[in-house]
Protein backbone atom coordinates (compact mmCIF):
# COMPACT_ATOMS: atom_id res chain seq x y z
CA MET A 1 141.53 67.33 136.33
CA ALA A 2 142.49 70.31 138.49
CA LEU A 3 140.43 73.48 138.52
CA GLN A 4 142.26 76.59 137.50
CA LYS A 5 142.27 79.43 139.99
CA ARG A 6 141.36 82.86 138.73
CA HIS A 7 143.55 85.80 139.42
CA PRO A 8 141.70 87.96 141.99
CA SER A 9 141.87 91.10 139.81
CA LYS A 10 140.30 89.39 136.80
CA LYS A 11 136.53 89.48 136.77
CA LYS A 12 134.39 86.83 135.21
CA PRO A 13 133.03 88.17 131.91
CA ALA A 14 129.35 89.01 132.09
CA GLU A 15 126.99 86.73 130.26
CA ARG A 16 125.42 88.17 127.15
CA GLY A 17 122.29 90.04 128.12
CA ASP A 18 123.23 90.01 131.83
CA ARG A 19 123.29 93.65 132.88
CA SER A 20 122.56 93.16 136.54
CA ARG A 21 126.16 93.94 137.45
CA SER A 22 126.41 97.35 135.87
CA ALA A 23 124.33 100.34 134.95
CA PRO A 24 122.28 99.97 131.78
CA ALA A 25 124.34 100.69 128.69
CA ARG A 26 123.44 103.73 126.64
CA LYS A 27 123.76 103.85 122.90
CA HIS A 28 126.18 106.79 123.11
CA PRO A 29 127.75 106.84 126.59
CA HIS A 30 129.11 110.39 126.32
CA ALA A 31 125.93 111.89 124.91
CA PRO A 32 123.78 113.97 127.25
CA ARG A 33 120.84 112.14 128.76
CA SER A 34 118.34 114.75 127.66
CA ASN A 35 118.69 117.24 124.88
CA ALA A 36 115.28 118.87 125.20
CA ASN A 37 116.83 122.31 125.79
CA ARG A 38 119.49 122.06 123.11
CA SER A 39 119.30 123.36 119.58
CA HIS A 40 120.00 120.94 116.75
CA SER A 41 122.55 123.05 114.93
CA GLY A 42 125.05 124.95 117.04
CA ASN A 43 123.99 128.27 115.49
CA SER A 44 120.21 128.15 115.20
CA GLY A 45 118.69 131.27 113.75
CA GLN A 46 121.59 131.76 111.34
CA PRO A 47 121.04 129.48 108.34
CA LYS A 48 123.34 131.64 106.18
CA ASN A 49 126.32 130.67 108.36
CA SER A 50 125.45 126.97 108.09
CA PHE A 51 124.90 127.28 104.33
CA ASP A 52 128.30 128.92 103.88
CA ARG A 53 130.01 126.38 106.13
CA TYR A 54 128.54 123.33 104.36
CA THR A 55 129.23 124.82 100.94
CA ALA A 56 132.87 125.36 101.89
CA LEU A 57 133.11 121.80 103.25
CA ALA A 58 131.56 120.45 100.04
CA LEU A 59 134.01 122.35 97.87
CA ALA A 60 136.95 121.12 99.96
CA ALA A 61 135.73 117.51 99.79
CA ALA A 62 135.23 117.79 96.02
CA ALA A 63 138.73 119.22 95.61
CA ALA A 64 140.10 116.30 97.63
CA GLY A 65 138.30 113.88 95.29
CA ASP A 66 135.76 112.57 97.81
CA VAL A 67 132.54 112.85 95.79
CA ILE A 68 130.42 111.01 98.38
CA GLU A 69 131.37 113.38 101.18
CA ALA A 70 130.98 116.37 98.86
CA GLU A 71 127.45 115.29 97.94
CA ASN A 72 126.59 114.87 101.60
CA TYR A 73 127.76 118.42 102.37
CA TYR A 74 125.94 119.78 99.32
CA GLN A 75 122.72 118.23 100.58
CA HIS A 76 123.21 119.87 103.97
CA ALA A 77 123.90 123.20 102.26
CA GLU A 78 120.75 122.80 100.17
CA HIS A 79 118.70 122.30 103.33
CA TYR A 80 119.96 125.58 104.80
CA TYR A 81 119.44 127.31 101.45
CA ARG A 82 115.77 126.32 101.59
CA VAL A 83 115.54 127.51 105.19
CA MET A 84 116.98 130.90 104.16
CA LYS A 85 114.51 131.22 101.28
CA GLN A 86 111.59 130.29 103.52
CA LYS A 87 112.57 132.93 106.08
CA ALA A 88 112.91 135.53 103.31
CA ALA A 89 109.40 134.86 101.98
């Protein structure tokens, strides 16, 4: 039985769990390493804008017939509605 030669450009696949050959894998490779200085919603301090945006997205999803997506957007809108009411109190 003859041994097959590997093409020089083809690398041997890494064994499962063997990460010694590369940098440790991150869950989301394009995500920033630290988000300590970032806000969670792109427009913090303006819940009215987020409420309006999520309400519009919910209405569009409902019009398209996607009730699951519409409910998700309505829940986001409800969160910002509560934030607005808390700031008003």
